[in-house]
Amino acid sequence: MLGYLLRGLALGLPAAAQPGPFQAYLLGQTMKNGWRRTLPAALAPLLSDGPIVALVLLVLTQLPAAFLALLKLGGGLFLLYLAWGAWHALRHPAPARAGAAPASHQSLLEATVMNLLNPNPYIFWSTVGGPILLEGWRLAPAFGLAYLLGFYGTLIGGMALLIVLFGKAQQLGPRVERALLAASVMLLALFGLWQVWQGALAMR
């Protein structure tokens, strides 16, 4: 069981630290709403990955390649939508901070939708995570659970740490804060355009 726990820990850490659209989203939300209101977004993989893992393990191998292509297109458009929202917050910072009450729920919902439309979790669970989980589960359910515990422990812990670090950057002054928010706009837009392009190529 320890071996599967360590494998989960080893895979979860780079998944949290690797630059990607989710990290760019966390950066933008932290700059807009503060790290405390953004922190619940770190839990998004717990909400989104359940259906993804079930789909991958049960039916994904039987679906046509066009499914992932459509997923890339939809995810890319959603990232562009988030980039537009971050750009609006960059140009109008005061209104972006006004609605404080629902911010944490909105961040969690948007992050969950992003993961569901992101082809990367599907690819990961169908090529790497899923086979390890099935292998451990067949040996003993406790092995599979240990793998999931290790993976999501480091993934969510790493995401939470990133949010706090981004939040601390706000203390460096408004110029740094706006620069980081601008960086999140560019990253989200680039990831969105790249994903739309990849989806369009796959549809040919």
C-alpha atoms as a PDB file:
ATOM      1  CA  MET A   1       0.000   0.000   0.000  1.00  0.00           C
ATOM      2  CA  LEU A   2       2.864   2.382   0.758  1.00  0.00           C
ATOM      3  CA  GLY A   3       4.105   2.001  -2.806  1.00  0.00           C
ATOM      4  CA  TYR A   4       0.798   3.202  -4.260  1.00  0.00           C
ATOM      5  CA  LEU A   5       0.637   6.068  -1.789  1.00  0.00           C
ATOM      6  CA  LEU A   6       4.116   7.184  -2.849  1.00  0.00           C
ATOM      7  CA  ARG A   7       3.199   6.898  -6.524  1.00  0.00           C
ATOM      8  CA  GLY A   8       0.210   9.131  -5.931  1.00  0.00           C
ATOM      9  CA  LEU A   9       2.357  11.649  -4.071  1.00  0.00           C
ATOM     10  CA  ALA A  10       4.935  11.618  -6.857  1.00  0.00           C
ATOM     11  CA  LEU A  11       2.329  12.246  -9.582  1.00  0.00           C
ATOM     12  CA  GLY A  12       0.285  14.818  -7.685  1.00  0.00           C
ATOM     13  CA  LEU A  13       3.136  17.208  -6.978  1.00  0.00           C
ATOM     14  CA  PRO A  14       4.172  17.898 -10.598  1.00  0.00           C
ATOM     15  CA  ALA A  15       0.496  18.106 -11.599  1.00  0.00           C
ATOM     16  CA  ALA A  16       0.069  20.969  -9.122  1.00  0.00           C
ATOM     17  CA  ALA A  17       3.308  22.757 -10.023  1.00  0.00           C
ATOM     18  CA  GLN A  18       3.181  22.379 -13.812  1.00  0.00           C
ATOM     19  CA  PRO A  19       2.168  25.660 -15.511  1.00  0.00           C
ATOM     20  CA  GLY A  20      -1.223  25.367 -17.167  1.00  0.00           C
ATOM     21  CA  PRO A  21      -4.604  27.023 -17.616  1.00  0.00           C
ATOM     22  CA  PHE A  22      -5.769  26.024 -14.149  1.00  0.00           C
ATOM     23  CA  GLN A  23      -2.758  27.656 -12.497  1.00  0.00           C
ATOM     24  CA  ALA A  24      -3.271  30.763 -14.642  1.00  0.00           C
ATOM     25  CA  TYR A  25      -6.895  30.873 -13.511  1.00  0.00           C
ATOM     26  CA  LEU A  26      -5.878  30.587  -9.862  1.00  0.00           C
ATOM     27  CA  LEU A  27      -3.423  33.445 -10.347  1.00  0.00           C
ATOM     28  CA  GLY A  28      -6.069  35.714 -11.860  1.00  0.00           C
ATOM     29  CA  GLN A  29      -8.701  34.886  -9.236  1.00  0.00           C
ATOM     30  CA  THR A  30      -6.247  35.470  -6.404  1.00  0.00           C
ATOM     31  CA  MET A  31      -5.250  38.857  -7.797  1.00  0.00           C
ATOM     32  CA  LYS A  32      -8.919  39.844  -8.168  1.00  0.00           C
ATOM     33  CA  ASN A  33     -10.508  38.378  -5.050  1.00  0.00           C
ATOM     34  CA  GLY A  34      -7.668  37.634  -2.620  1.00  0.00           C
ATOM     35  CA  TRP A  35      -6.275  34.274  -1.589  1.00  0.00           C
ATOM     36  CA  ARG A  36      -8.914  33.538   1.070  1.00  0.00           C
ATOM     37  CA  ARG A  37     -11.829  33.725  -1.382  1.00  0.00           C
ATOM     38  CA  THR A  38      -9.888  31.843  -4.059  1.00  0.00           C
ATOM     39  CA  LEU A  39      -8.716  29.019  -1.793  1.00  0.00           C
ATOM     40  CA  PRO A  40     -11.863  26.876  -2.283  1.00  0.00           C
ATOM     41  CA  ALA A  41     -11.000  26.673  -6.004  1.00  0.00           C
ATOM     42  CA  ALA A  42      -8.157  24.312  -5.048  1.00  0.00           C
ATOM     43  CA  LEU A  43     -10.856  21.725  -4.278  1.00  0.00           C
ATOM     44  CA  ALA A  44     -12.161  21.761  -7.867  1.00  0.00           C
ATOM     45  CA  PRO A  45     -10.366  18.506  -8.865  1.00  0.00           C
ATOM     46  CA  LEU A  46     -12.319  16.666  -6.172  1.00  0.00           C
ATOM     47  CA  LEU A  47     -15.583  17.739  -7.833  1.00  0.00           C
ATOM     48  CA  SER A  48     -14.582  17.392 -11.474  1.00  0.00           C
ATOM     49  CA  ASP A  49     -12.328  14.332 -11.469  1.00  0.00           C
ATOM     50  CA  GLY A  50     -14.935  11.915 -10.157  1.00  0.00           C
ATOM     51  CA  PRO A  51     -16.999  11.979 -13.376  1.00  0.00           C
ATOM     52  CA  ILE A  52     -13.795  12.136 -15.439  1.00  0.00           C
ATOM     53  CA  VAL A  53     -12.288   9.035 -13.789  1.00  0.00           C
ATOM     54  CA  ALA A  54     -15.568   7.141 -14.100  1.00  0.00           C
ATOM     55  CA  LEU A  55     -15.903   8.089 -17.775  1.00  0.00           C
ATOM     56  CA  VAL A  56     -12.311   7.167 -18.533  1.00  0.00           C
ATOM     57  CA  LEU A  57     -12.401   3.825 -16.760  1.00  0.00           C
ATOM     58  CA  LEU A  58     -15.774   2.805 -18.160  1.00  0.00           C
ATOM     59  CA  VAL A  59     -16.319   4.189 -21.662  1.00  0.00           C
ATOM     60  CA  LEU A  60     -13.643   6.603 -22.868  1.00  0.00           C
ATOM     61  CA  THR A  61     -11.699   3.912 -24.710  1.00  0.00           C
ATOM     62  CA  GLN A  62     -14.844   3.165 -26.757  1.00  0.00           C
ATOM     63  CA  LEU A  63     -15.581   6.785 -27.729  1.00  0.00           C
ATOM     64  CA  PRO A  64     -14.437   8.254 -31.053  1.00  0.00           C
ATOM     65  CA  ALA A  65     -11.439  10.572 -31.220  1.00  0.00           C
ATOM     66  CA  ALA A  66     -13.825  13.399 -32.097  1.00  0.00           C
ATOM     67  CA  PHE A  67     -14.925  13.437 -28.446  1.00  0.00           C
ATOM     68  CA  LEU A  68     -11.579  14.801 -27.258  1.00  0.00           C
ATOM     69  CA  ALA A  69     -11.492  17.220 -30.177  1.00  0.00           C
ATOM     70  CA  LEU A  70     -14.861  18.683 -29.164  1.00  0.00           C
ATOM     71  CA  LEU A  71     -13.680  18.785 -25.580  1.00  0.00           C
ATOM     72  CA  LYS A  72     -10.620  20.786 -26.609  1.00  0.00           C
ATOM     73  CA  LEU A  73     -12.746  23.243 -28.574  1.00  0.00           C
ATOM     74  CA  GLY A  74     -15.195  23.748 -25.726  1.00  0.00           C
ATOM     75  CA  GLY A  75     -12.435  24.062 -23.154  1.00  0.00           C
ATOM     76  CA  GLY A  76     -10.534  26.549 -25.297  1.00  0.00           C
ATOM     77  CA  LEU A  77     -13.600  28.754 -25.699  1.00  0.00           C
ATOM     78  CA  PHE A  78     -14.214  28.631 -21.950  1.00  0.00           C
ATOM     79  CA  LEU A  79     -10.604  29.681 -21.287  1.00  0.00           C
ATOM     80  CA  LEU A  80     -11.040  32.615 -23.665  1.00  0.00           C
ATOM     81  CA  TYR A  81     -14.186  33.569 -21.751  1.00  0.00           C
ATOM     82  CA  LEU A  82     -12.221  33.508 -18.487  1.00  0.00           C
ATOM     83  CA  ALA A  83      -9.442  35.568 -20.103  1.00  0.00           C
ATOM     84  CA  TRP A  84     -12.003  38.172 -21.119  1.00  0.00           C
ATOM     85  CA  GLY A  85     -13.309  38.302 -17.543  1.00  0.00           C
ATOM     86  CA  ALA A  86      -9.782  38.732 -16.178  1.00  0.00           C
ATOM     87  CA  TRP A  87      -9.118  41.484 -18.741  1.00  0.00           C
ATOM     88  CA  HIS A  88     -12.281  43.278 -17.634  1.00  0.00           C
ATOM     89  CA  ALA A  89     -11.142  43.035 -14.003  1.00  0.00           C
ATOM     90  CA  LEU A  90      -7.737  44.410 -14.992  1.00  0.00           C
ATOM     91  CA  ARG A  91      -9.301  47.461 -16.623  1.00  0.00           C
ATOM     92  CA  HIS A  92     -11.957  47.948 -13.917  1.00  0.00           C
ATOM     93  CA  PRO A  93     -10.388  46.707 -10.655  1.00  0.00           C
ATOM     94  CA  ALA A  94     -12.831  48.319  -8.236  1.00  0.00           C
ATOM     95  CA  PRO A  95     -16.060  46.674  -9.537  1.00  0.00           C
ATOM     96  CA  ALA A  96     -14.242  43.328  -9.723  1.00  0.00           C
ATOM     97  CA  ARG A  97     -13.748  43.398  -5.939  1.00  0.00           C
ATOM     98  CA  ALA A  98     -17.230  44.617  -5.098  1.00  0.00           C
ATOM     99  CA  GLY A  99     -19.188  41.351  -5.031  1.00  0.00           C
ATOM    100  CA  ALA A 100     -17.173  39.688  -2.264  1.00  0.00           C
ATOM    101  CA  ALA A 101     -19.798  37.320  -0.904  1.00  0.00           C
ATOM    102  CA  PRO A 102     -20.189  34.869  -3.807  1.00  0.00           C
ATOM    103  CA  ALA A 103     -16.574  35.036  -4.966  1.00  0.00           C
ATOM    104  CA  SER A 104     -15.429  31.769  -3.396  1.00  0.00           C
ATOM    105  CA  HIS A 105     -18.400  29.825  -4.775  1.00  0.00           C
ATOM    106  CA  GLN A 106     -17.937  31.347  -8.210  1.00  0.00           C
ATOM    107  CA  SER A 107     -14.230  30.485  -8.221  1.00  0.00           C
ATOM    108  CA  LEU A 108     -14.955  26.868  -7.278  1.00  0.00           C
ATOM    109  CA  LEU A 109     -17.691  26.553  -9.911  1.00  0.00           C
ATOM    110  CA  GLU A 110     -15.589  28.083 -12.687  1.00  0.00           C
ATOM    111  CA  ALA A 111     -12.572  25.953 -11.758  1.00  0.00           C
ATOM    112  CA  THR A 112     -14.727  22.802 -11.786  1.00  0.00           C
ATOM    113  CA  VAL A 113     -16.158  23.626 -15.214  1.00  0.00           C
ATOM    114  CA  MET A 114     -12.643  24.326 -16.491  1.00  0.00           C
ATOM    115  CA  ASN A 115     -11.447  20.889 -15.398  1.00  0.00           C
ATOM    116  CA  LEU A 116     -14.448  19.176 -16.958  1.00  0.00           C
ATOM    117  CA  LEU A 117     -13.733  20.889 -20.297  1.00  0.00           C
ATOM    118  CA  ASN A 118      -9.990  20.373 -20.108  1.00  0.00           C
ATOM    119  CA  PRO A 119      -8.797  17.309 -22.071  1.00  0.00           C
ATOM    120  CA  ASN A 120      -5.658  16.958 -19.924  1.00  0.00           C
ATOM    121  CA  PRO A 121      -7.370  15.151 -16.994  1.00  0.00           C
ATOM    122  CA  TYR A 122      -9.013  12.737 -19.449  1.00  0.00           C
ATOM    123  CA  ILE A 123      -5.665  12.035 -21.098  1.00  0.00           C
ATOM    124  CA  PHE A 124      -3.913  11.652 -17.732  1.00  0.00           C
ATOM    125  CA  TRP A 125      -6.463   9.247 -16.290  1.00  0.00           C
ATOM    126  CA  SER A 126      -6.697   7.200 -19.485  1.00  0.00           C
ATOM    127  CA  THR A 127      -2.929   6.860 -19.968  1.00  0.00           C
ATOM    128  CA  VAL A 128      -1.283   7.146 -16.530  1.00  0.00           C
ATOM    129  CA  GLY A 129      -3.618   7.564 -13.565  1.00  0.00           C
ATOM    130  CA  GLY A 130      -6.326   5.107 -14.591  1.00  0.00           C
ATOM    131  CA  PRO A 131      -4.088   2.064 -15.175  1.00  0.00           C
ATOM    132  CA  ILE A 132      -2.311   2.610 -11.844  1.00  0.00           C
ATOM    133  CA  LEU A 133      -5.631   2.979 -10.034  1.00  0.00           C
ATOM    134  CA  LEU A 134      -7.050  -0.173 -11.625  1.00  0.00           C
ATOM    135  CA  GLU A 135      -3.873  -2.120 -10.910  1.00  0.00           C
ATOM    136  CA  GLY A 136      -3.922  -1.166  -7.241  1.00  0.00           C
ATOM    137  CA  TRP A 137      -7.667  -1.693  -6.876  1.00  0.00           C
ATOM    138  CA  ARG A 138      -7.435  -5.215  -8.306  1.00  0.00           C
ATOM    139  CA  LEU A 139      -4.778  -6.099  -5.754  1.00  0.00           C
ATOM    140  CA  ALA A 140      -6.804  -4.578  -2.909  1.00  0.00           C
ATOM    141  CA  PRO A 141      -9.222  -1.634  -2.755  1.00  0.00           C
ATOM    142  CA  ALA A 142      -7.046  -0.111  -0.026  1.00  0.00           C
ATOM    143  CA  PHE A 143      -4.159   0.144  -2.521  1.00  0.00           C
ATOM    144  CA  GLY A 144      -6.278   2.097  -4.985  1.00  0.00           C
ATOM    145  CA  LEU A 145      -7.540   4.375  -2.217  1.00  0.00           C
ATOM    146  CA  ALA A 146      -3.979   4.958  -1.024  1.00  0.00           C
ATOM    147  CA  TYR A 147      -3.010   6.031  -4.534  1.00  0.00           C
ATOM    148  CA  LEU A 148      -5.946   8.459  -4.732  1.00  0.00           C
ATOM    149  CA  LEU A 149      -5.147   9.830  -1.282  1.00  0.00           C
ATOM    150  CA  GLY A 150      -1.534  10.482  -2.198  1.00  0.00           C
ATOM    151  CA  PHE A 151      -2.375  12.025  -5.574  1.00  0.00           C
ATOM    152  CA  TYR A 152      -5.114  14.394  -4.425  1.00  0.00           C
ATOM    153  CA  GLY A 153      -3.309  15.201  -1.190  1.00  0.00           C
ATOM    154  CA  THR A 154      -0.340  16.673  -3.025  1.00  0.00           C
ATOM    155  CA  LEU A 155      -2.418  18.067  -5.903  1.00  0.00           C
ATOM    156  CA  ILE A 156      -4.832  20.032  -3.708  1.00  0.00           C
ATOM    157  CA  GLY A 157      -2.144  20.935  -1.178  1.00  0.00           C
ATOM    158  CA  GLY A 158       0.086  22.223  -3.976  1.00  0.00           C
ATOM    159  CA  MET A 159      -2.756  24.252  -5.498  1.00  0.00           C
ATOM    160  CA  ALA A 160      -3.581  25.765  -2.112  1.00  0.00           C
ATOM    161  CA  LEU A 161       0.068  26.692  -1.615  1.00  0.00           C
ATOM    162  CA  LEU A 162       0.140  28.398  -5.018  1.00  0.00           C
ATOM    163  CA  ILE A 163      -2.946  30.433  -4.128  1.00  0.00           C
ATOM    164  CA  VAL A 164      -1.395  31.596  -0.855  1.00  0.00           C
ATOM    165  CA  LEU A 165       1.874  32.497  -2.597  1.00  0.00           C
ATOM    166  CA  PHE A 166      -0.008  34.453  -5.262  1.00  0.00           C
ATOM    167  CA  GLY A 167      -1.918  36.211  -2.481  1.00  0.00           C
ATOM    168  CA  LYS A 168       1.272  37.214  -0.717  1.00  0.00           C
ATOM    169  CA  ALA A 169       2.443  38.826  -3.957  1.00  0.00           C
ATOM    170  CA  GLN A 170      -0.343  41.372  -3.520  1.00  0.00           C
ATOM    171  CA  GLN A 171       1.595  42.820  -0.599  1.00  0.00           C
ATOM    172  CA  LEU A 172       4.319  43.924  -3.029  1.00  0.00           C
ATOM    173  CA  GLY A 173       2.099  46.743  -4.260  1.00  0.00           C
ATOM    174  CA  PRO A 174      -0.556  47.495  -6.882  1.00  0.00           C
ATOM    175  CA  ARG A 175       1.927  47.487  -9.766  1.00  0.00           C
ATOM    176  CA  VAL A 176       2.994  43.912  -9.049  1.00  0.00           C
ATOM    177  CA  GLU A 177      -0.623  42.913  -8.519  1.00  0.00           C
ATOM    178  CA  ARG A 178      -1.679  44.354 -11.881  1.00  0.00           C
ATOM    179  CA  ALA A 179       1.328  42.803 -13.593  1.00  0.00           C
ATOM    180  CA  LEU A 180       0.413  39.356 -12.252  1.00  0.00           C
ATOM    181  CA  LEU A 181      -3.218  39.839 -13.267  1.00  0.00           C
ATOM    182  CA  ALA A 182      -2.080  40.869 -16.748  1.00  0.00           C
ATOM    183  CA  ALA A 183       0.071  37.748 -16.886  1.00  0.00           C
ATOM    184  CA  SER A 184      -2.943  35.601 -16.037  1.00  0.00           C
ATOM    185  CA  VAL A 185      -4.925  37.271 -18.857  1.00  0.00           C
ATOM    186  CA  MET A 186      -2.202  36.488 -21.381  1.00  0.00           C
ATOM    187  CA  LEU A 187      -1.735  32.927 -20.143  1.00  0.00           C
ATOM    188  CA  LEU A 188      -5.457  32.141 -20.200  1.00  0.00           C
ATOM    189  CA  ALA A 189      -5.798  33.636 -23.683  1.00  0.00           C
ATOM    190  CA  LEU A 190      -2.775  31.708 -24.991  1.00  0.00           C
ATOM    191  CA  PHE A 191      -3.918  28.416 -23.484  1.00  0.00           C
ATOM    192  CA  GLY A 192      -7.421  29.023 -24.837  1.00  0.00           C
ATOM    193  CA  LEU A 193      -6.244  29.796 -28.369  1.00  0.00           C
ATOM    194  CA  TRP A 194      -3.855  26.826 -28.334  1.00  0.00           C
ATOM    195  CA  GLN A 195      -6.603  24.475 -27.174  1.00  0.00           C
ATOM    196  CA  VAL A 196      -9.056  25.746 -29.808  1.00  0.00           C
ATOM    197  CA  TRP A 197      -6.363  25.311 -32.480  1.00  0.00           C
ATOM    198  CA  GLN A 198      -5.581  21.778 -31.296  1.00  0.00           C
ATOM    199  CA  GLY A 199      -9.267  20.903 -31.277  1.00  0.00           C
ATOM    200  CA  ALA A 200      -9.755  22.300 -34.786  1.00  0.00           C
ATOM    201  CA  LEU A 201      -6.785  20.295 -36.072  1.00  0.00           C
ATOM    202  CA  ALA A 202      -8.112  17.118 -34.464  1.00  0.00           C
ATOM    203  CA  MET A 203     -11.509  17.631 -36.124  1.00  0.00           C
ATOM    204  CA  ARG A 204      -9.970  17.450 -39.616  1.00  0.00           C
END
